[in-house]
Amino acid sequence: MSTPDLLGGAVLHGGERATLHLSRDYPHPVAALWTALTLPELTRRWWADLRADLRVGGEFSLMWLSGPADGLEWWPGEVTALDPPRLLEHTSSEHGLLRWELQPLYAGALRARTRLTLTNELEGEDAWVPMSLAAWHLHLEQLQVALEGGGTEWTTWGTSADRRLRALRDAYAAALPGVD
């Protein structure tokens, strides 16, 4: 299997905290990505179920949909910064602080493009960083599928994606000094 192209990396802050950065360009306008970040009907297709009150201080709770239905739970969060349709920043009880930035890119003619940059301030051991990067990588790939009208089969996401997830985890680990 060839080495996957990585979407970013991480800065490790002494074993208990890391800053993850991922960036990907999409052949869609900013408005399409904003909707995919903030509308539960679309977030379910690529990321998680969402309960949101889109204002600073408002709720931004997520429920990952992979796993058995009786084991799913809401992870509370709060909107901490908001500048529609360019910036969404929120907390997550399981993933720390997440900052989503959308930048329109010139692509000429009538083809709109957007760069999505995700920054995740993550608490936890350095050993979890490569897996977190790999999982975000897969979610950002699924975002492209969702933007094209598709969705994710959550009941098999953890199993069918395992080979790809492991390859991505290994590639991100190799790119991070001192992390296995």
Protein backbone atom coordinates (compact mmCIF):
# COMPACT_ATOMS: atom_id res chain seq x y z
CA MET A 1 0.00 0.00 0.00
CA SER A 2 1.43 3.40 -0.92
CA THR A 3 1.96 6.14 1.64
CA PRO A 4 -1.15 8.35 1.82
CA ASP A 5 -0.98 12.10 1.23
CA LEU A 6 -1.36 13.76 4.60
CA LEU A 7 -3.67 16.71 5.20
CA GLY A 8 -1.65 18.22 8.03
CA GLY A 9 0.13 17.42 11.23
CA ALA A 10 0.39 18.35 14.88
CA VAL A 11 2.43 20.32 17.35
CA LEU A 12 2.94 18.40 20.58
CA HIS A 13 2.93 20.39 23.82
CA GLY A 14 4.67 18.17 26.34
CA GLY A 15 2.74 14.93 26.44
CA GLU A 16 -0.73 16.00 27.56
CA ARG A 17 -1.81 18.48 24.88
CA ALA A 18 -1.44 18.86 21.13
CA THR A 19 -2.55 21.21 18.38
CA LEU A 20 -3.71 19.37 15.26
CA HIS A 21 -3.88 21.18 11.91
CA LEU A 22 -5.53 19.76 8.78
CA SER A 23 -6.35 21.53 5.54
CA ARG A 24 -8.15 20.39 2.43
CA ASP A 25 -9.44 22.12 -0.70
CA TYR A 26 -12.92 21.34 -1.99
CA PRO A 27 -14.42 22.12 -5.43
CA HIS A 28 -17.44 23.77 -3.79
CA PRO A 29 -18.33 27.31 -2.67
CA VAL A 30 -17.88 28.48 0.93
CA ALA A 31 -21.66 28.43 1.46
CA ALA A 32 -21.83 24.69 0.70
CA LEU A 33 -19.12 23.89 3.24
CA TRP A 34 -20.66 26.19 5.85
CA THR A 35 -23.96 24.36 5.47
CA ALA A 36 -22.17 21.00 5.80
CA LEU A 37 -20.60 22.20 9.08
CA THR A 38 -23.76 23.61 10.63
CA LEU A 39 -26.83 21.77 9.36
CA PRO A 40 -27.54 18.49 11.19
CA GLU A 41 -29.03 16.85 8.08
CA LEU A 42 -25.62 17.26 6.43
CA THR A 43 -23.28 16.80 9.41
CA ARG A 44 -24.78 13.32 9.87
CA ARG A 45 -23.51 12.37 6.41
CA TRP A 46 -19.83 12.90 7.16
CA TRP A 47 -19.14 13.76 10.78
CA ALA A 48 -21.70 13.41 13.58
CA ASP A 49 -25.21 14.26 14.61
CA LEU A 50 -25.48 17.88 15.76
CA ARG A 51 -27.51 20.00 18.16
CA ALA A 52 -26.52 23.62 17.65
CA ASP A 53 -27.53 27.12 18.63
CA LEU A 54 -25.30 29.10 16.26
CA ARG A 55 -24.36 32.05 18.43
CA VAL A 56 -21.37 32.63 20.69
CA GLY A 57 -22.19 30.83 23.93
CA GLY A 58 -24.76 28.63 22.19
CA GLU A 59 -24.85 24.85 22.31
CA PHE A 60 -22.76 22.83 19.85
CA SER A 61 -23.19 19.21 20.94
CA LEU A 62 -22.15 16.24 18.84
CA MET A 63 -23.00 12.54 18.79
CA TRP A 64 -20.68 10.31 16.77
CA LEU A 65 -22.80 7.82 14.88
CA SER A 66 -20.31 4.96 14.57
CA GLY A 67 -20.83 2.11 16.97
CA PRO A 68 -23.88 0.35 18.36
CA ALA A 69 -27.00 2.55 18.56
CA ASP A 70 -27.51 1.83 22.26
CA GLY A 71 -23.99 3.10 23.02
CA LEU A 72 -24.24 6.51 21.33
CA GLU A 73 -24.17 9.60 23.52
CA TRP A 74 -24.14 13.36 23.12
CA TRP A 75 -20.85 15.11 23.75
CA PRO A 76 -21.62 18.63 24.95
CA GLY A 77 -19.95 21.65 23.47
CA GLU A 78 -20.35 25.39 23.06
CA VAL A 79 -19.79 27.89 20.26
CA THR A 80 -16.80 30.05 21.23
CA ALA A 81 -16.31 32.13 18.05
CA LEU A 82 -18.54 32.62 15.02
CA ASP A 83 -18.23 34.61 11.79
CA PRO A 84 -20.59 33.01 9.24
CA PRO A 85 -19.78 31.69 6.71
CA ARG A 86 -16.03 31.81 7.31
CA LEU A 87 -15.35 30.78 10.93
CA LEU A 88 -16.86 28.35 13.41
CA GLU A 89 -15.07 27.59 16.66
CA HIS A 90 -16.54 25.37 19.34
CA THR A 91 -15.65 23.12 22.22
CA SER A 92 -16.33 19.41 22.45
CA SER A 93 -16.22 17.43 25.69
CA GLU A 94 -14.27 14.69 23.88
CA HIS A 95 -12.19 16.66 21.37
CA GLY A 96 -11.29 19.94 23.05
CA LEU A 97 -11.43 23.12 20.98
CA LEU A 98 -12.20 22.84 17.26
CA ARG A 99 -11.75 25.77 14.87
CA TRP A 100 -13.11 25.47 11.30
CA GLU A 101 -11.98 28.18 8.87
CA LEU A 102 -13.30 28.48 5.31
CA GLN A 103 -11.39 30.44 2.70
CA PRO A 104 -12.64 31.01 -0.84
CA LEU A 105 -10.01 30.22 -3.49
CA TYR A 106 -9.83 31.68 -6.94
CA ALA A 107 -10.25 28.90 -9.46
CA GLY A 108 -11.22 30.86 -12.54
CA ALA A 109 -14.31 30.66 -14.72
CA LEU A 110 -17.37 29.46 -12.83
CA ARG A 111 -15.76 26.83 -10.64
CA ALA A 112 -15.80 27.80 -6.95
CA ARG A 113 -13.27 26.30 -4.58
CA THR A 114 -12.89 26.51 -0.81
CA ARG A 115 -10.04 25.68 1.54
CA LEU A 116 -11.17 24.23 4.86
CA THR A 117 -8.65 24.45 7.70
CA LEU A 118 -9.36 22.55 10.90
CA THR A 119 -7.40 23.29 14.07
CA ASN A 120 -8.02 21.02 17.04
CA GLU A 121 -6.61 21.85 20.49
CA LEU A 122 -6.62 18.36 21.93
CA GLU A 123 -6.03 17.24 25.51
CA GLY A 124 -4.55 13.78 26.01
CA GLU A 125 -1.48 11.65 25.57
CA ASP A 126 0.75 12.13 22.53
CA ALA A 127 0.16 8.49 21.55
CA TRP A 128 -3.45 9.40 20.57
CA VAL A 129 -2.42 12.21 18.20
CA PRO A 130 -1.74 10.06 15.08
CA MET A 131 -5.11 8.29 15.46
CA SER A 132 -6.89 11.61 15.92
CA LEU A 133 -5.24 12.99 12.79
CA ALA A 134 -6.17 9.85 10.86
CA ALA A 135 -9.81 9.98 11.99
CA TRP A 136 -10.13 13.68 11.08
CA HIS A 137 -8.53 12.87 7.73
CA LEU A 138 -11.22 10.27 7.05
CA HIS A 139 -13.98 12.66 8.12
CA LEU A 140 -12.65 15.33 5.74
CA GLU A 141 -12.66 12.74 2.93
CA GLN A 142 -16.27 11.89 3.83
CA LEU A 143 -17.12 15.60 3.71
CA GLN A 144 -16.32 15.52 -0.02
CA VAL A 145 -18.70 12.56 -0.43
CA ALA A 146 -21.41 14.42 1.51
CA LEU A 147 -20.95 17.56 -0.61
CA GLU A 148 -21.65 15.38 -3.66
CA GLY A 149 -24.87 14.05 -2.13
CA GLY A 150 -23.53 10.84 -0.59
CA GLY A 151 -23.27 9.73 2.98
CA THR A 152 -21.46 7.45 5.37
CA GLU A 153 -22.58 3.99 6.38
CA TRP A 154 -21.93 4.47 10.08
CA THR A 155 -22.66 0.88 11.06
CA THR A 156 -19.58 -0.25 9.12
CA TRP A 157 -17.43 2.90 9.39
CA GLY A 158 -15.21 1.51 12.13
CA THR A 159 -14.71 -1.80 10.37
CA SER A 160 -14.58 -1.01 6.65
CA ALA A 161 -12.31 1.96 7.29
CA ASP A 162 -9.92 0.08 9.57
CA ARG A 163 -7.28 -0.66 6.92
CA ARG A 164 -7.31 2.93 5.66
CA LEU A 165 -7.46 4.28 9.22
CA ARG A 166 -4.42 2.19 10.23
CA ALA A 167 -2.47 3.30 7.14
CA LEU A 168 -3.26 6.93 7.87
CA ARG A 169 -2.43 6.51 11.56
CA ASP A 170 0.94 4.99 10.67
CA ALA A 171 1.69 7.75 8.14
CA TYR A 172 0.85 10.51 10.63
CA ALA A 173 2.88 8.77 13.36
CA ALA A 174 5.89 8.57 11.04
CA ALA A 175 5.58 12.30 10.39
CA LEU A 176 5.54 13.18 14.10
CA PRO A 177 8.90 12.96 15.87
CA GLY A 178 8.85 10.89 19.04
CA VAL A 179 5.34 9.42 18.57
CA ASP A 180 4.78 5.72 17.87
